[in-house]
């Protein structure tokens, strides 16, 4: 498990807490019921339902431990401290992809809140780390799997 600081927005922190609560209550109860039903099938040596339920229980407990560790080392980003002069975690950044002449918008988040479908990228990702600390109109280069991508920062917002 990681023992480094985990950057989270308040929303991200709240979502992790909700997930832990769900896993500790509803998910544990569901798995417990599956184990009880599987025990009713008799001989455990050839009881795949029991094995599967026990594996689910172990995976659930591992996930709970991971999330609790992230919450323990969480640092919530104070939105009032978010600056729009330089890119930092919590900013929405509009960029121009210099190669494809396409405008893109990213929200810079901590690594636990990444959601590419919503344009949320990690401050530790190649593009996110290239944008960190950059200012409006600055051109940054990000080492991506396809090579080097260049982006011009159009705007930085909260």
Protein backbone atom coordinates (compact mmCIF):
# COMPACT_ATOMS: atom_id res chain seq x y z
CA UNK A 1 0.00 0.00 0.00
CA UNK A 2 1.09 3.52 -0.65
CA UNK A 3 2.08 5.75 2.22
CA UNK A 4 2.30 8.96 0.24
CA UNK A 5 0.00 11.93 0.35
CA UNK A 6 -3.15 11.44 -1.70
CA UNK A 7 -4.56 14.65 -3.21
CA UNK A 8 -8.34 14.72 -3.31
CA UNK A 9 -11.09 17.20 -3.94
CA UNK A 10 -13.81 17.26 -1.30
CA UNK A 11 -16.07 15.42 -3.75
CA UNK A 12 -13.43 12.73 -4.27
CA UNK A 13 -12.93 12.32 -0.53
CA UNK A 14 -16.68 12.01 0.03
CA UNK A 15 -16.95 9.42 -2.76
CA UNK A 16 -14.20 7.29 -1.19
CA UNK A 17 -15.95 7.46 2.19
CA UNK A 18 -19.25 6.38 0.59
CA UNK A 19 -17.54 3.47 -1.14
CA UNK A 20 -15.92 2.30 2.12
CA UNK A 21 -19.30 2.51 3.87
CA UNK A 22 -20.96 0.50 1.07
CA UNK A 23 -18.23 -2.16 1.12
CA UNK A 24 -18.36 -2.48 4.91
CA UNK A 25 -22.14 -2.75 5.11
CA UNK A 26 -24.03 -3.88 2.03
CA UNK A 27 -21.20 -5.69 0.24
CA UNK A 28 -20.04 -7.53 3.39
CA UNK A 29 -23.62 -8.59 4.13
CA UNK A 30 -24.12 -9.81 0.56
CA UNK A 31 -20.90 -11.84 0.63
CA UNK A 32 -21.72 -13.23 4.08
CA UNK A 33 -25.07 -14.42 2.75
CA UNK A 34 -23.36 -16.05 -0.25
CA UNK A 35 -20.97 -17.88 2.10
CA UNK A 36 -23.88 -19.05 4.26
CA UNK A 37 -25.78 -20.37 1.22
CA UNK A 38 -22.64 -22.07 -0.12
CA UNK A 39 -22.01 -23.76 3.23
CA UNK A 40 -25.46 -25.28 2.89
CA UNK A 41 -24.30 -27.16 -0.20
CA UNK A 42 -22.19 -29.44 2.01
CA UNK A 43 -18.70 -30.73 1.14
CA UNK A 44 -16.39 -27.70 0.97
CA UNK A 45 -13.61 -29.52 -0.93
CA UNK A 46 -15.60 -29.39 -4.20
CA UNK A 47 -17.75 -26.38 -3.48
CA UNK A 48 -16.96 -23.74 -6.10
CA UNK A 49 -19.68 -21.40 -4.79
CA UNK A 50 -17.97 -21.36 -1.39
CA UNK A 51 -14.52 -20.77 -2.93
CA UNK A 52 -15.87 -17.93 -5.08
CA UNK A 53 -17.62 -16.31 -2.12
CA UNK A 54 -14.47 -16.53 0.03
CA UNK A 55 -12.41 -15.00 -2.82
CA UNK A 56 -14.96 -12.18 -3.08
CA UNK A 57 -14.69 -11.66 0.67
CA UNK A 58 -10.89 -11.40 0.46
CA UNK A 59 -11.08 -8.97 -2.49
CA UNK A 60 -13.64 -6.83 -0.64
CA UNK A 61 -11.49 -6.64 2.51
CA UNK A 62 -8.43 -5.74 0.40
CA UNK A 63 -10.36 -2.93 -1.30
CA UNK A 64 -11.57 -1.62 2.08
CA UNK A 65 -7.99 -1.55 3.38
CA UNK A 66 -6.77 0.27 0.22
CA UNK A 67 -9.48 2.91 0.48
CA UNK A 68 -8.98 3.43 4.20
CA UNK A 69 -5.26 3.91 3.57
CA UNK A 70 -6.00 6.52 0.90
CA UNK A 71 -8.37 8.32 3.25
CA UNK A 72 -5.74 8.21 6.01
CA UNK A 73 -3.16 9.97 3.81
CA UNK A 74 -5.66 12.23 2.03
CA UNK A 75 -5.07 15.92 1.67
CA UNK A 76 -8.21 17.70 0.59
CA UNK A 77 -7.63 20.51 -1.83
CA UNK A 78 -9.14 23.70 -0.45
CA UNK A 79 -11.01 25.25 -3.37
CA UNK A 80 -10.46 28.74 -1.97
CA UNK A 81 -6.70 28.20 -2.36
CA UNK A 82 -6.94 27.14 -6.00
CA UNK A 83 -5.11 29.67 -8.13
CA UNK A 84 -5.96 30.30 -11.77
CA UNK A 85 -2.59 31.87 -12.64
CA UNK A 86 -0.75 28.53 -12.77
CA UNK A 87 -2.13 25.05 -13.38
CA UNK A 88 -2.59 23.01 -10.21
CA UNK A 89 -4.78 20.20 -8.90
CA UNK A 90 -8.40 21.31 -8.97
CA UNK A 91 -8.11 23.47 -12.10
CA UNK A 92 -10.07 23.06 -15.32
CA UNK A 93 -7.59 23.65 -18.11
CA UNK A 94 -8.55 24.31 -21.71
CA UNK A 95 -5.73 23.51 -24.12
CA UNK A 96 -5.13 23.52 -27.84
CA UNK A 97 -3.55 20.33 -29.17
CA UNK A 98 -0.91 21.89 -31.46
CA UNK A 99 -0.74 18.88 -33.80
CA UNK A 100 -4.44 18.28 -34.35
CA UNK A 101 -5.61 21.90 -33.82
CA UNK A 102 -8.22 20.57 -31.43
CA UNK A 103 -9.36 22.21 -28.19
CA UNK A 104 -9.50 19.90 -25.18
CA UNK A 105 -10.54 20.54 -21.61
CA UNK A 106 -9.10 18.66 -18.65
CA UNK A 107 -9.74 18.83 -14.95
CA UNK A 108 -6.56 18.14 -13.01
CA UNK A 109 -7.26 15.76 -10.12
CA UNK A 110 -5.34 13.48 -7.76
CA UNK A 111 -4.62 9.96 -9.01
CA UNK A 112 -7.60 8.39 -7.20
CA UNK A 113 -10.17 10.59 -8.93
CA UNK A 114 -9.20 9.97 -12.57
CA UNK A 115 -12.19 9.65 -14.89
CA UNK A 116 -11.17 9.99 -18.52
CA UNK A 117 -14.80 9.97 -19.70
CA UNK A 118 -15.33 13.20 -17.73
CA UNK A 119 -11.97 14.69 -18.75
CA UNK A 120 -10.48 14.22 -15.26
CA UNK A 121 -6.76 13.46 -15.56
CA UNK A 122 -4.20 12.85 -12.86
CA UNK A 123 -1.60 15.40 -11.91
CA UNK A 124 0.83 12.46 -12.19
CA UNK A 125 -0.16 11.46 -15.74
CA UNK A 126 2.08 12.52 -18.64
CA UNK A 127 -0.26 15.31 -19.75
CA UNK A 128 -1.24 16.31 -16.21
CA UNK A 129 2.35 16.58 -15.01
CA UNK A 130 3.31 18.59 -18.12
CA UNK A 131 0.48 21.05 -17.41
CA UNK A 132 1.25 21.43 -13.68
CA UNK A 133 2.67 24.87 -12.94
CA UNK A 134 2.18 26.15 -16.49
CA UNK A 135 0.50 29.48 -17.22
CA UNK A 136 -2.01 30.78 -19.78
CA UNK A 137 -0.62 30.94 -23.35
CA UNK A 138 2.34 28.74 -22.39
CA UNK A 139 3.14 25.79 -24.65
CA UNK A 140 3.93 22.56 -22.83
CA UNK A 141 5.25 19.25 -24.09
CA UNK A 142 4.01 15.94 -22.73
CA UNK A 143 5.73 12.63 -23.37
CA UNK A 144 2.85 10.36 -24.38
CA UNK A 145 2.95 6.80 -25.76
CA UNK A 146 2.71 8.13 -29.33
CA UNK A 147 5.69 10.47 -28.82
CA UNK A 148 5.63 14.08 -27.69
CA UNK A 149 2.39 16.05 -27.67
CA UNK A 150 2.39 19.87 -27.57
CA UNK A 151 -0.39 21.81 -25.93
CA UNK A 152 -1.00 25.55 -25.70
CA UNK A 153 -2.87 26.57 -22.58
CA UNK A 154 -5.92 28.64 -23.53
CA UNK A 155 -7.48 29.08 -20.09
CA UNK A 156 -7.19 28.03 -16.45
CA UNK A 157 -10.33 28.01 -14.30
CA UNK A 158 -11.58 26.68 -10.99
